[in-house]
Protein backbone atom coordinates (compact mmCIF):
# COMPACT_ATOMS: atom_id res chain seq x y z
CA MET A 1 16.46 -13.96 -62.36
CA LEU A 2 18.44 -15.31 -59.44
CA TYR A 3 19.48 -11.82 -58.57
CA MET A 4 15.85 -10.58 -58.71
CA ALA A 5 14.70 -13.52 -56.55
CA THR A 6 17.45 -12.81 -54.01
CA TRP A 7 16.49 -9.07 -54.01
CA VAL A 8 12.83 -9.91 -53.48
CA LEU A 9 13.63 -12.23 -50.64
CA HIS A 10 15.81 -9.64 -49.07
CA TYR A 11 13.08 -6.97 -49.42
CA LEU A 12 10.53 -9.30 -47.85
CA LEU A 13 12.90 -10.16 -45.03
CA VAL A 14 13.54 -6.46 -44.34
CA ALA A 15 9.80 -5.67 -44.45
CA PHE A 16 9.19 -8.54 -42.10
CA LEU A 17 11.76 -7.36 -39.63
CA ILE A 18 10.42 -3.80 -39.84
CA ALA A 19 6.93 -5.12 -39.10
CA ILE A 20 8.16 -7.10 -36.16
CA SER A 21 10.10 -4.12 -34.85
CA TYR A 22 7.01 -1.90 -35.31
CA ASN A 23 4.79 -4.29 -33.50
CA PHE A 24 7.38 -4.71 -30.70
CA ASP A 25 7.76 -0.97 -30.32
CA ALA A 26 3.96 -0.52 -30.33
CA ALA A 27 3.69 -3.24 -27.68
CA SER A 28 6.46 -1.62 -25.59
CA ALA A 29 4.98 1.85 -25.84
CA GLY A 30 1.70 0.60 -24.61
CA ILE A 31 -1.88 1.93 -25.16
CA THR A 32 -4.14 4.46 -23.51
CA ARG A 33 -6.89 3.01 -21.24
CA HIS A 34 -9.80 5.13 -20.04
CA TYR A 35 -11.80 4.67 -16.91
CA GLN A 36 -14.46 6.73 -15.20
CA PHE A 37 -14.83 6.76 -11.44
CA ASP A 38 -18.23 8.17 -10.30
CA ILE A 39 -17.99 9.02 -6.58
CA GLN A 40 -21.50 8.37 -5.19
CA LEU A 41 -23.47 7.37 -2.22
CA THR A 42 -24.63 3.76 -2.21
CA ASN A 43 -26.67 1.68 0.30
CA ILE A 44 -24.72 -1.43 1.31
CA THR A 45 -25.85 -4.10 3.80
CA ARG A 46 -23.36 -5.95 5.94
CA LEU A 47 -23.80 -7.62 9.39
CA CYS A 48 -27.59 -7.18 8.86
CA LYS A 49 -27.17 -3.41 8.91
CA THR A 50 -27.87 -1.25 5.88
CA LYS A 51 -25.93 1.98 5.66
CA THR A 52 -25.09 4.60 3.10
CA ILE A 53 -21.40 4.66 2.10
CA VAL A 54 -19.25 6.50 -0.42
CA THR A 55 -18.39 4.25 -3.34
CA VAL A 56 -16.84 4.33 -6.83
CA ASN A 57 -19.47 3.40 -9.42
CA GLY A 58 -21.70 2.02 -6.71
CA LYS A 59 -19.28 -0.84 -5.98
CA PHE A 60 -17.73 -1.96 -2.67
CA PRO A 61 -14.80 -2.56 -3.15
CA GLY A 62 -14.47 -0.35 -6.16
CA PRO A 63 -13.68 -1.52 -9.68
CA LYS A 64 -10.56 -3.28 -10.78
CA VAL A 65 -8.19 -1.15 -12.91
CA THR A 66 -6.01 -3.14 -15.27
CA ALA A 67 -3.20 -2.05 -17.48
CA ARG A 68 0.10 -3.29 -18.88
CA GLU A 69 3.51 -1.93 -18.18
CA GLY A 70 4.02 1.04 -20.47
CA ASP A 71 0.30 1.88 -20.76
CA ASN A 72 -1.14 5.28 -20.21
CA LEU A 73 -4.10 5.50 -17.81
CA GLN A 74 -6.67 8.33 -17.97
CA ILE A 75 -9.07 7.95 -15.14
CA LYS A 76 -11.72 10.62 -14.83
CA VAL A 77 -12.98 10.98 -11.26
CA VAL A 78 -16.40 12.70 -11.06
CA ASN A 79 -17.51 13.68 -7.53
CA HIS A 80 -21.31 13.30 -7.02
CA ALA A 81 -21.06 13.01 -3.21
CA SER A 82 -21.05 15.73 -0.58
CA ASN A 83 -17.53 14.69 0.68
CA ASN A 84 -14.39 16.09 -0.86
CA ILE A 85 -12.32 13.26 -2.55
CA SER A 86 -8.99 12.53 -4.04
CA ILE A 87 -7.56 9.18 -5.28
CA HIS A 88 -4.03 7.87 -4.66
CA TRP A 89 -2.64 5.21 -7.06
CA HIS A 90 -0.72 3.42 -4.39
CA GLY A 91 2.74 2.29 -5.62
CA ILE A 92 2.71 4.05 -8.96
CA ARG A 93 5.89 6.11 -9.18
CA GLN A 94 4.29 9.04 -11.07
CA LEU A 95 7.56 10.06 -12.70
CA ARG A 96 7.79 13.85 -12.89
CA ASN A 97 4.00 13.86 -12.49
CA GLY A 98 3.12 14.35 -8.83
CA TRP A 99 -0.11 16.05 -10.01
CA ALA A 100 -1.50 12.57 -10.48
CA ASP A 101 -0.33 11.12 -7.11
CA GLY A 102 -3.50 12.03 -5.28
CA PRO A 103 -3.01 12.80 -1.52
CA SER A 104 -5.19 15.78 -0.64
CA TYR A 105 -3.31 19.00 0.26
CA VAL A 106 -0.01 17.33 -0.62
CA THR A 107 -0.03 16.96 -4.43
CA GLN A 108 -3.49 18.43 -5.07
CA CYS A 109 -6.53 20.07 -3.53
CA PRO A 110 -9.47 17.68 -3.21
CA ILE A 111 -12.12 17.22 -5.91
CA ARG A 112 -15.16 19.02 -4.56
CA THR A 113 -18.79 18.17 -5.07
CA GLY A 114 -19.84 18.51 -8.76
CA GLN A 115 -16.24 18.71 -9.89
CA SER A 116 -14.11 16.23 -11.88
CA TYR A 117 -10.43 15.57 -12.45
CA VAL A 118 -8.63 13.28 -14.87
CA TYR A 119 -5.71 11.38 -13.34
CA ASN A 120 -3.44 11.03 -16.40
CA PHE A 121 -0.30 8.97 -15.91
CA THR A 122 1.90 6.36 -17.60
CA VAL A 123 3.09 3.09 -15.91
CA THR A 124 6.83 3.16 -16.51
CA GLY A 125 9.15 0.24 -15.54
CA GLN A 126 6.54 -1.36 -13.16
CA ARG A 127 4.36 -4.45 -13.23
CA GLY A 128 2.54 -6.40 -10.58
CA THR A 129 -0.17 -5.92 -7.94
CA LEU A 130 -0.88 -2.38 -6.69
CA TRP A 131 -4.10 -0.68 -5.56
CA TRP A 132 -5.95 2.60 -5.50
CA HIS A 133 -7.70 4.36 -2.64
CA ALA A 134 -9.12 7.62 -1.40
CA HIS A 135 -6.52 9.87 0.23
CA ILE A 136 -8.43 12.28 2.37
CA GLN A 137 -9.55 11.82 6.02
CA TRP A 138 -10.87 8.18 6.42
CA MET A 139 -12.55 8.00 2.98
CA ARG A 140 -10.48 4.96 2.02
CA ALA A 141 -12.58 2.89 4.42
CA THR A 142 -14.91 2.29 1.50
CA VAL A 143 -13.22 3.89 -1.52
CA TYR A 144 -10.57 1.46 -2.67
CA GLY A 145 -9.90 -1.26 -5.33
CA PRO A 146 -7.21 -3.32 -7.14
CA LEU A 147 -4.72 -1.80 -9.58
CA ILE A 148 -3.22 -4.65 -11.70
CA ILE A 149 -0.26 -3.93 -13.92
CA LEU A 150 0.38 -6.81 -16.31
CA PRO A 151 3.79 -7.38 -17.90
CA LYS A 152 4.36 -6.06 -21.42
CA LEU A 153 3.03 -8.26 -24.20
CA ASN A 154 5.06 -11.40 -24.72
CA GLN A 155 7.01 -10.76 -21.51
CA PRO A 156 6.66 -13.79 -19.28
CA TYR A 157 6.46 -13.95 -15.47
CA PRO A 158 9.63 -15.17 -13.78
CA PHE A 159 7.64 -18.02 -12.25
CA PRO A 160 5.20 -20.65 -13.61
CA LYS A 161 2.41 -19.16 -15.64
CA PRO A 162 -0.73 -19.24 -13.49
CA TYR A 163 -3.97 -20.91 -14.71
CA LYS A 164 -5.95 -18.01 -13.23
CA GLN A 165 -5.25 -14.74 -11.39
CA VAL A 166 -7.47 -13.70 -8.44
CA PRO A 167 -7.32 -10.39 -6.59
CA ILE A 168 -8.12 -10.70 -2.83
CA ILE A 169 -8.43 -7.35 -1.05
CA PHE A 170 -8.71 -7.25 2.72
CA GLY A 171 -10.69 -4.44 4.28
CA GLU A 172 -12.54 -3.29 7.40
CA TRP A 173 -16.26 -2.73 7.84
CA PHE A 174 -17.64 -0.10 10.28
CA ASN A 175 -21.25 -0.13 11.31
CA ALA A 176 -20.75 3.53 12.18
CA ASP A 177 -19.65 6.26 9.77
CA PRO A 178 -15.80 6.07 9.59
CA GLN A 179 -15.64 9.89 9.27
CA ALA A 180 -17.57 10.18 12.50
CA VAL A 181 -15.23 7.64 14.13
CA VAL A 182 -12.13 9.57 13.35
CA GLN A 183 -13.68 13.01 14.15
CA GLN A 184 -14.72 11.75 17.61
CA ALA A 185 -11.25 10.40 18.26
CA LEU A 186 -9.54 13.67 17.22
CA GLN A 187 -12.01 15.76 19.31
CA THR A 188 -11.74 13.71 22.46
CA GLY A 189 -8.07 12.82 22.06
CA ALA A 190 -8.80 9.11 22.57
CA GLY A 191 -8.05 6.19 20.30
CA PRO A 192 -10.70 5.50 17.69
CA ASN A 193 -13.47 2.94 18.01
CA ALA A 194 -12.50 -0.34 16.24
CA SER A 195 -14.19 -1.59 13.10
CA ASP A 196 -16.89 -4.25 13.48
CA ALA A 197 -15.48 -6.77 10.95
CA HIS A 198 -12.72 -7.52 8.54
CA THR A 199 -13.64 -8.43 4.90
CA PHE A 200 -12.41 -10.43 1.93
CA ASN A 201 -13.39 -8.49 -1.21
CA GLY A 202 -15.97 -6.55 0.83
CA LEU A 203 -17.47 -9.69 2.49
CA PRO A 204 -17.21 -10.49 6.21
CA GLY A 205 -17.96 -14.20 6.00
CA PRO A 206 -19.53 -16.88 8.16
CA LEU A 207 -17.67 -16.23 11.45
CA TYR A 208 -19.58 -12.99 11.95
CA ASN A 209 -23.23 -12.77 12.93
CA CYS A 210 -25.70 -12.66 10.10
CA SER A 211 -23.00 -12.98 7.44
CA THR A 212 -23.03 -16.52 6.07
CA LYS A 213 -24.57 -15.27 2.89
CA ASP A 214 -21.88 -12.58 2.62
CA THR A 215 -19.02 -15.03 2.21
CA TYR A 216 -16.22 -14.82 -0.32
CA GLU A 217 -15.80 -18.13 -2.14
CA LEU A 218 -12.84 -19.03 -4.24
CA MET A 219 -13.65 -21.85 -6.70
CA VAL A 220 -10.62 -23.79 -7.98
CA LYS A 221 -9.88 -26.84 -10.09
CA PRO A 222 -7.60 -29.63 -8.95
CA GLY A 223 -4.01 -29.66 -10.27
CA LYS A 224 -3.89 -25.99 -11.22
CA THR A 225 -1.71 -23.05 -10.27
CA TYR A 226 -3.52 -19.85 -9.18
CA LEU A 227 -1.90 -16.47 -8.64
CA LEU A 228 -3.53 -14.80 -5.70
CA ARG A 229 -2.99 -11.00 -5.68
CA LEU A 230 -3.30 -10.14 -2.00
CA ILE A 231 -3.90 -6.48 -0.96
CA ASN A 232 -4.27 -5.12 2.55
CA ALA A 233 -6.61 -2.18 2.33
CA ALA A 234 -7.56 -2.26 6.07
CA LEU A 235 -7.50 1.13 7.73
CA ASP A 236 -5.65 0.20 10.95
CA ASP A 237 -4.78 -3.50 11.02
CA GLU A 238 -1.87 -5.63 9.88
CA LEU A 239 -3.23 -9.02 9.00
CA PHE A 240 -2.10 -12.63 8.96
CA PHE A 241 -3.52 -14.70 6.12
CA THR A 242 -3.63 -18.43 5.60
CA ILE A 243 -5.51 -21.23 3.69
CA ALA A 244 -6.15 -24.44 5.48
CA ASN A 245 -4.01 -27.47 4.31
CA HIS A 246 -2.39 -25.42 1.49
CA THR A 247 1.07 -23.99 1.05
CA LEU A 248 1.62 -20.59 -0.62
CA THR A 249 4.66 -19.54 -2.64
CA VAL A 250 5.43 -15.83 -2.33
CA VAL A 251 6.63 -14.41 -5.73
CA GLU A 252 6.02 -10.66 -5.43
CA ALA A 253 5.80 -7.83 -2.92
CA ASP A 254 4.51 -4.28 -3.69
CA ALA A 255 4.71 -4.96 -7.42
CA CYS A 256 8.34 -6.09 -7.31
CA TYR A 257 9.32 -9.73 -7.98
CA VAL A 258 11.07 -11.59 -5.21
CA LYS A 259 12.97 -14.82 -4.91
CA PRO A 260 10.18 -17.34 -4.42
CA PHE A 261 9.76 -18.93 -0.95
CA GLN A 262 7.07 -21.10 0.54
CA THR A 263 4.96 -20.30 3.59
CA ASN A 264 1.69 -21.26 5.26
CA ILE A 265 1.03 -17.80 6.55
CA VAL A 266 1.38 -14.37 4.91
CA LEU A 267 1.61 -11.10 6.88
CA LEU A 268 0.56 -7.83 5.23
CA GLY A 269 0.68 -4.40 6.76
CA PRO A 270 -1.95 -1.83 5.57
CA GLY A 271 -0.95 -0.63 2.16
CA GLN A 272 1.21 -3.71 1.27
CA THR A 273 0.51 -6.12 -1.51
CA THR A 274 1.88 -9.69 -1.92
CA ASN A 275 1.44 -12.14 -4.85
CA VAL A 276 1.39 -15.83 -3.95
CA LEU A 277 1.11 -18.94 -6.06
CA LEU A 278 -1.46 -21.44 -4.80
CA GLU A 279 -0.92 -25.05 -6.06
CA THR A 280 -4.26 -26.84 -5.79
CA LYS A 281 -4.53 -30.50 -4.76
CA PRO A 282 -3.86 -32.92 -7.67
CA ILE A 283 -7.26 -34.61 -7.22
CA TYR A 284 -10.57 -33.63 -5.76
CA PRO A 285 -9.95 -33.57 -1.98
CA ASN A 286 -13.55 -34.16 -0.85
CA ALA A 287 -13.24 -31.17 1.48
CA THR A 288 -13.56 -27.38 1.52
CA PHE A 289 -11.02 -25.15 3.23
CA TYR A 290 -11.27 -21.94 5.29
CA MET A 291 -9.20 -18.93 4.25
CA LEU A 292 -8.63 -16.82 7.33
CA ALA A 293 -7.22 -13.36 8.13
CA ARG A 294 -6.74 -11.93 11.62
CA PRO A 295 -4.72 -8.93 13.02
CA TYR A 296 -1.14 -8.77 14.16
CA PHE A 297 -0.89 -6.06 16.84
CA THR A 298 1.40 -5.28 19.78
CA GLY A 299 0.16 -1.80 20.79
CA GLN A 300 -1.94 -0.54 23.64
CA GLY A 301 -5.17 0.56 21.90
CA ILE A 302 -8.42 -1.17 21.02
CA ILE A 303 -8.53 -2.91 17.73
CA ASP A 304 -10.85 -5.20 15.78
CA ASN A 305 -9.45 -8.56 17.04
CA THR A 306 -11.87 -10.58 14.87
CA THR A 307 -11.25 -13.19 12.16
CA VAL A 308 -12.58 -12.96 8.63
CA ALA A 309 -13.19 -16.26 6.76
CA GLY A 310 -13.57 -17.09 3.15
CA ILE A 311 -13.96 -20.51 1.66
CA LEU A 312 -11.81 -22.38 -0.89
CA LYS A 313 -13.93 -24.76 -2.84
CA TYR A 314 -12.90 -27.35 -5.43
CA HIS A 315 -14.82 -27.94 -8.67
CA HIS A 316 -16.13 -31.46 -8.90
CA LYS A 317 -17.83 -33.18 -11.73
CA PRO A 318 -21.33 -33.83 -10.36
CA THR A 319 -22.35 -37.46 -9.88
CA SER A 320 -25.37 -38.85 -8.04
CA SER A 321 -23.28 -39.97 -5.06
CA HIS A 322 -21.44 -36.68 -4.88
CA LEU A 323 -24.71 -34.73 -4.90
CA LYS A 324 -25.98 -36.82 -2.04
CA SER A 325 -22.85 -36.27 0.06
CA SER A 326 -22.05 -32.64 -0.86
CA LYS A 327 -23.82 -31.30 2.19
CA ASN A 328 -21.62 -33.46 4.45
CA ILE A 329 -18.22 -32.40 2.96
CA PRO A 330 -15.96 -31.38 5.92
CA ILE A 331 -14.56 -27.96 6.09
CA MET A 332 -10.88 -27.73 7.18
CA LYS A 333 -9.80 -24.90 9.59
CA PRO A 334 -6.27 -23.59 9.76
CA SER A 335 -4.49 -21.99 12.71
CA LEU A 336 -2.94 -18.52 12.87
CA PRO A 337 -0.12 -17.10 15.06
CA PRO A 338 -1.06 -15.19 18.28
CA ILE A 339 -2.11 -11.59 17.75
CA ASN A 340 1.22 -10.31 19.19
CA SER A 341 3.54 -12.77 17.48
CA THR A 342 6.34 -10.37 16.66
CA SER A 343 8.77 -13.20 16.23
CA TYR A 344 6.75 -14.66 13.40
CA ALA A 345 6.35 -11.21 11.82
CA ALA A 346 10.13 -10.62 11.93
CA ASN A 347 11.04 -14.05 10.53
CA PHE A 348 8.50 -13.69 7.73
CA THR A 349 9.74 -10.22 6.77
CA LYS A 350 13.35 -11.43 6.56
CA MET A 351 12.42 -13.99 3.93
CA PHE A 352 11.96 -11.35 1.22
CA ARG A 353 14.80 -10.93 -1.31
CA SER A 354 14.89 -9.25 -4.73
CA LEU A 355 15.36 -11.47 -7.76
CA ALA A 356 18.56 -9.55 -8.52
CA SER A 357 18.74 -11.11 -11.96
CA SER A 358 19.95 -9.60 -15.28
CA THR A 359 16.32 -8.99 -16.29
CA PHE A 360 15.25 -7.62 -12.91
CA PRO A 361 18.37 -6.24 -11.24
CA ALA A 362 18.56 -4.89 -7.71
CA ASN A 363 19.80 -1.37 -8.27
CA VAL A 364 20.37 -0.63 -4.65
CA PRO A 365 22.59 2.49 -4.13
CA LYS A 366 26.04 1.27 -3.03
CA THR A 367 27.17 4.74 -1.93
CA VAL A 368 25.19 7.23 0.02
CA ASP A 369 25.05 11.04 -0.37
CA LYS A 370 22.67 11.84 2.54
CA LYS A 371 21.90 9.91 5.74
CA TYR A 372 18.85 10.41 7.88
CA PHE A 373 17.71 8.91 11.16
CA PHE A 374 13.94 9.21 11.91
CA THR A 375 12.28 8.16 15.11
CA ILE A 376 8.64 7.20 14.71
CA GLY A 377 5.98 6.57 17.23
CA LEU A 378 3.15 7.90 19.39
CA GLY A 379 3.19 10.94 21.68
CA THR A 380 0.79 13.47 23.16
CA ASN A 381 -0.52 16.95 22.59
CA PRO A 382 -1.97 19.07 25.43
CA CYS A 383 -5.68 19.10 25.92
CA PRO A 384 -7.37 22.48 24.96
CA ILE A 385 -8.03 24.82 27.90
CA ASN A 386 -11.40 24.16 29.64
CA GLN A 387 -11.66 20.65 28.00
CA THR A 388 -11.31 17.23 29.49
CA CYS A 389 -9.65 14.77 27.14
CA GLN A 390 -9.55 11.00 26.84
CA GLY A 391 -5.93 10.51 25.81
CA PRO A 392 -3.25 8.85 27.98
CA THR A 393 -4.34 11.32 30.71
CA ASN A 394 -7.37 13.64 30.96
CA THR A 395 -5.10 16.56 30.06
CA THR A 396 -3.58 15.11 26.92
CA LYS A 397 -4.61 13.91 23.49
CA PHE A 398 -2.99 11.09 21.46
CA ALA A 399 -0.63 12.33 18.82
CA ALA A 400 2.10 10.75 16.60
CA SER A 401 5.32 12.08 15.05
CA ILE A 402 8.46 11.58 13.12
CA ASN A 403 11.55 13.04 14.92
CA ASN A 404 9.15 14.56 17.36
CA VAL A 405 7.38 16.60 14.59
CA SER A 406 3.69 15.87 14.24
CA PHE A 407 2.78 16.89 10.69
CA ILE A 408 0.13 19.52 9.91
CA LEU A 409 -1.42 19.49 6.45
CA PRO A 410 -2.16 22.81 4.75
CA ASN A 411 -5.86 23.37 4.10
CA LYS A 412 -5.93 26.10 1.51
CA THR A 413 -3.45 24.83 -1.05
CA SER A 414 -1.29 21.80 -1.71
CA LEU A 415 2.37 21.44 -0.92
CA LEU A 416 3.25 20.65 -4.55
CA GLN A 417 1.22 23.56 -5.87
CA SER A 418 2.87 26.08 -3.51
CA TYR A 419 6.33 24.67 -4.38
CA PHE A 420 5.67 24.82 -8.13
CA VAL A 421 4.58 28.48 -8.15
CA GLY A 422 7.36 29.50 -5.86
CA LYS A 423 5.22 30.39 -2.83
CA SER A 424 6.19 27.61 -0.48
CA LYS A 425 7.55 29.81 2.30
CA SER A 426 4.08 30.72 3.37
CA VAL A 427 2.93 27.08 3.36
CA PHE A 428 5.86 24.91 4.61
CA MET A 429 9.31 25.05 6.10
CA THR A 430 12.34 23.07 4.98
CA ASP A 431 13.98 22.52 8.36
CA PHE A 432 12.73 18.99 9.10
CA PRO A 433 15.31 17.57 11.51
CA SER A 434 17.63 14.91 9.96
CA VAL A 435 18.11 13.34 13.40
CA PRO A 436 16.03 13.28 16.59
CA THR A 437 16.00 16.67 18.34
CA PHE A 438 15.94 14.98 21.76
CA PRO A 439 17.81 11.63 21.73
CA PHE A 440 16.75 9.00 24.31
CA ASN A 441 16.70 5.26 24.78
CA TYR A 442 14.20 4.74 21.94
CA THR A 443 13.14 1.18 22.75
CA GLY A 444 13.83 1.26 26.52
CA MET A 445 12.15 3.03 29.38
CA PRO A 446 10.38 6.00 27.75
CA PRO A 447 10.97 9.57 29.00
CA ASN A 448 8.35 11.23 31.15
CA ASN A 449 7.77 14.00 28.52
CA THR A 450 5.74 12.55 25.68
CA MET A 451 4.72 15.88 24.15
CA VAL A 452 5.45 16.36 20.47
CA SER A 453 5.87 19.52 18.45
CA ARG A 454 3.65 20.35 15.51
CA GLY A 455 4.51 21.84 12.15
CA THR A 456 4.64 21.60 8.32
CA LYS A 457 8.30 20.72 7.74
CA LEU A 458 9.89 19.02 4.77
CA VAL A 459 13.28 17.74 3.66
CA VAL A 460 14.83 19.05 0.43
CA LEU A 461 16.87 16.81 -1.76
CA LYS A 462 18.87 17.61 -4.86
CA TYR A 463 17.95 15.60 -7.93
CA ASN A 464 19.75 12.14 -8.08
CA THR A 465 20.77 12.25 -4.36
CA THR A 466 21.28 8.75 -2.96
CA VAL A 467 19.51 8.52 0.40
CA GLU A 468 19.92 6.14 3.34
CA LEU A 469 17.08 6.47 5.93
CA VAL A 470 16.94 4.55 9.20
CA LEU A 471 13.41 4.40 10.69
CA GLN A 472 13.61 3.76 14.41
CA GLY A 473 10.54 2.62 16.36
CA THR A 474 10.05 4.05 19.80
CA SER A 475 8.51 2.85 23.04
CA LEU A 476 6.61 6.04 23.71
CA LEU A 477 3.08 4.99 24.87
CA GLY A 478 3.93 1.40 23.97
CA ILE A 479 5.72 -0.34 21.07
CA GLU A 480 4.01 -1.42 17.89
CA ALA A 481 4.90 -1.93 14.22
CA HIS A 482 4.46 0.92 11.72
CA PRO A 483 3.91 0.26 8.03
CA ILE A 484 5.69 3.23 6.42
CA HIS A 485 4.72 4.14 2.81
CA LEU A 486 6.82 6.37 0.56
CA HIS A 487 5.02 8.06 -2.33
CA GLY A 488 6.82 8.46 -5.68
CA PHE A 489 9.51 5.94 -5.08
CA ASN A 490 10.44 2.32 -4.47
CA PHE A 491 13.15 1.74 -1.94
CA TYR A 492 15.44 -1.10 -0.95
CA VAL A 493 15.27 -2.54 2.51
CA VAL A 494 19.01 -3.05 3.31
CA GLY A 495 18.72 -3.84 7.04
CA GLN A 496 16.43 -4.33 9.95
CA GLY A 497 16.56 -5.41 13.64
CA PHE A 498 15.28 -5.08 17.16
CA GLY A 499 16.28 -2.56 19.83
CA ASN A 500 18.08 0.64 19.06
CA PHE A 501 19.91 1.00 15.77
CA ASP A 502 23.73 0.95 16.25
CA PRO A 503 25.40 3.15 13.47
CA THR A 504 28.73 1.41 14.01
CA ARG A 505 27.70 -2.25 14.20
CA ASP A 506 24.42 -2.59 12.20
CA PRO A 507 25.45 -1.18 8.76
CA LYS A 508 28.14 -3.89 8.57
CA GLN A 509 25.30 -6.41 8.29
CA TYR A 510 23.46 -4.58 5.46
CA ASN A 511 22.32 -6.56 2.46
CA LEU A 512 23.51 -4.72 -0.64
CA VAL A 513 23.28 -7.71 -2.96
CA ASP A 514 19.57 -8.62 -3.13
CA PRO A 515 17.62 -6.53 -0.70
CA VAL A 516 13.80 -6.51 -1.26
CA GLU A 517 12.38 -3.55 -3.20
CA ARG A 518 9.14 -2.14 -1.80
CA ASN A 519 7.00 0.97 -1.44
CA THR A 520 5.66 0.12 2.05
CA ILE A 521 7.79 -1.46 4.87
CA ASN A 522 6.93 -2.48 8.36
CA VAL A 523 9.17 -0.88 10.97
CA PRO A 524 9.37 -3.80 13.50
CA SER A 525 7.70 -3.42 16.87
CA GLY A 526 10.48 -2.26 19.07
CA GLY A 527 12.96 -2.13 16.34
CA TRP A 528 14.33 -0.41 13.23
CA VAL A 529 14.60 -0.70 9.48
CA ALA A 530 17.10 0.85 7.07
CA ILE A 531 16.16 1.77 3.50
CA ARG A 532 17.96 3.28 0.50
CA PHE A 533 16.53 5.04 -2.50
CA LEU A 534 17.64 7.28 -5.37
CA ALA A 535 15.88 10.70 -5.44
CA ASP A 536 15.38 10.73 -9.25
CA ASN A 537 11.72 11.87 -9.25
CA PRO A 538 11.24 15.65 -8.98
CA GLY A 539 8.31 16.87 -6.91
CA VAL A 540 6.85 16.72 -3.42
CA TRP A 541 6.35 13.24 -1.99
CA LEU A 542 4.61 12.20 1.16
CA MET A 543 5.92 9.51 3.53
CA HIS A 544 3.66 8.32 6.29
CA CYS A 545 2.47 5.43 8.46
CA HIS A 546 -0.31 3.58 6.65
CA ILE A 547 -2.11 2.91 9.87
CA GLU A 548 -4.87 5.49 9.30
CA ILE A 549 -5.21 6.77 12.83
CA HIS A 550 -1.45 7.32 13.00
CA LEU A 551 -1.64 9.32 9.81
CA SER A 552 -4.48 11.37 11.31
CA TRP A 553 -2.34 11.97 14.44
CA GLY A 554 0.56 13.29 12.37
CA LEU A 555 2.92 10.38 11.75
CA THR A 556 3.95 11.77 8.37
CA MET A 557 6.42 14.02 6.60
CA ALA A 558 7.33 14.89 2.97
CA TRP A 559 10.30 15.12 0.75
CA VAL A 560 10.94 17.80 -1.87
CA VAL A 561 13.04 16.54 -4.76
CA LEU A 562 14.43 19.39 -6.82
CA ASP A 563 14.54 19.48 -10.60
CA GLY A 564 17.63 18.16 -12.41
CA GLU A 565 19.39 20.08 -15.10
CA LEU A 566 18.10 18.16 -18.15
CA PRO A 567 14.59 18.68 -19.58
CA ASN A 568 13.58 15.14 -18.71
CA GLN A 569 14.58 15.68 -15.07
CA LYS A 570 12.09 18.44 -14.37
CA LEU A 571 8.60 18.43 -12.80
CA LEU A 572 5.95 18.66 -15.52
CA PRO A 573 3.44 21.54 -15.27
CA PRO A 574 0.03 20.82 -13.78
CA PRO A 575 -2.86 19.80 -16.13
CA SER A 576 -5.50 22.27 -17.19
CA ASP A 577 -8.32 20.60 -15.04
CA PHE A 578 -6.22 20.59 -11.88
CA PRO A 579 -8.54 20.95 -8.85
CA LYS A 580 -8.75 24.43 -7.41
CA CYS A 581 -8.82 25.09 -3.66
């Protein structure tokens, strides 16, 4: 009997452990989540002006997509609008699956009117705040939304569990049609007209005319911790953000955990995301608080130098005395750095460090197979014959380039498609320069010749190549910061500084212990940044400035990562519903 009892207990224990293992494996494997994005025209009123804009499911901003690490996402995009469309899942690595990355004419042809396409991808080894947006012309002015990747079940955050999580997505509002704005700029060669307002979650707020009713309000309880998921979806503006009389603790950047640090002001370039913890006052403060965002800019052009305001309000148990005095509650206003505060921007950026823990290691490449040095900045193209332009001179148009190559997108196929079918020679070349063709004093007195070349040139990398890339800002037509986004990869920021990069001195100061891991990095105004990444994702991957006009002017290039030898190191074939050109 004792033997039988022991055997039964052993059987039950084994069954229990198998059940736990099964449930754990199921949780780790994730589930499939389905969404449908209907691209449609919607009438939206802001600043007392009603206009028709392109939206997803009639929402501005678009719907929040939520998943857990390990989940499969199947998002069907149906285009009911007259504009071509494609959606980029900003920050998702899309391992071996560039077909789901989204940039038009890079990894796919756009989804045309009446067509649909299912973006089918699995979130592998990532968790945090990302976002999605249109990736064709200036469609992302209105087509964007949050993409929240939660940790696996039962996997805690490496910081105090928040009471509530709140996405706040910054944007820009144009009274004009953004497509008309960029087309006019490209035709005349001038800089684009600025937006008319900035927004919090699509709302411009009380500092703009006719917008008090369109104010984002964040209601909080005293003595709680809130996780604010900050996303900069603005087309052309880097933004400072602050909340009056409150300190924020930064815990994540671009969906990568960082060593927590406190700040009163957060800076986000277009495309960047930052998670912050907001500790509310322990007791009701008898005040409300402005949340403000305003641009950081050091360039020469015209920008939307306005301030968007939201309001932080505290819940209070209603009493008769409170109701009588609620209309007289003061509102506290914070201050922000000057618009050109490069020193603040640099000091803030240097605060970011990876956790570099056993659970979340910093796998920065310690050795490098390939080194590249890319200059980035503005330049000019000649004005067409018999036309007067409005660029730096009446005979030039504004342009932008990397290593003096202004990128030309194909328009009849995609780079990835031509590569996959072996017909890339007629679409792109693989002689993108690894160093500047014409060296000069990059951050000093600019040369007289500001003309850039034009072409569709890529860099080819063997699978598993370790890459070090120095991005050097230039003073051509003025100095300004450039938020550079790399598709298909995260990278480590191992160094940064002002002036010209010194290949002898500066690498000695690299941080190879806990450098921050990101997908979008600000190249400092008048400076440089060094990044490292492992080319372990086969396909064709775009790298570009996330200031939209700079992308339109050609400040972009792409990497071809070849297949590896093993089956799980090769690019997957395209899906059956892949958009046709």
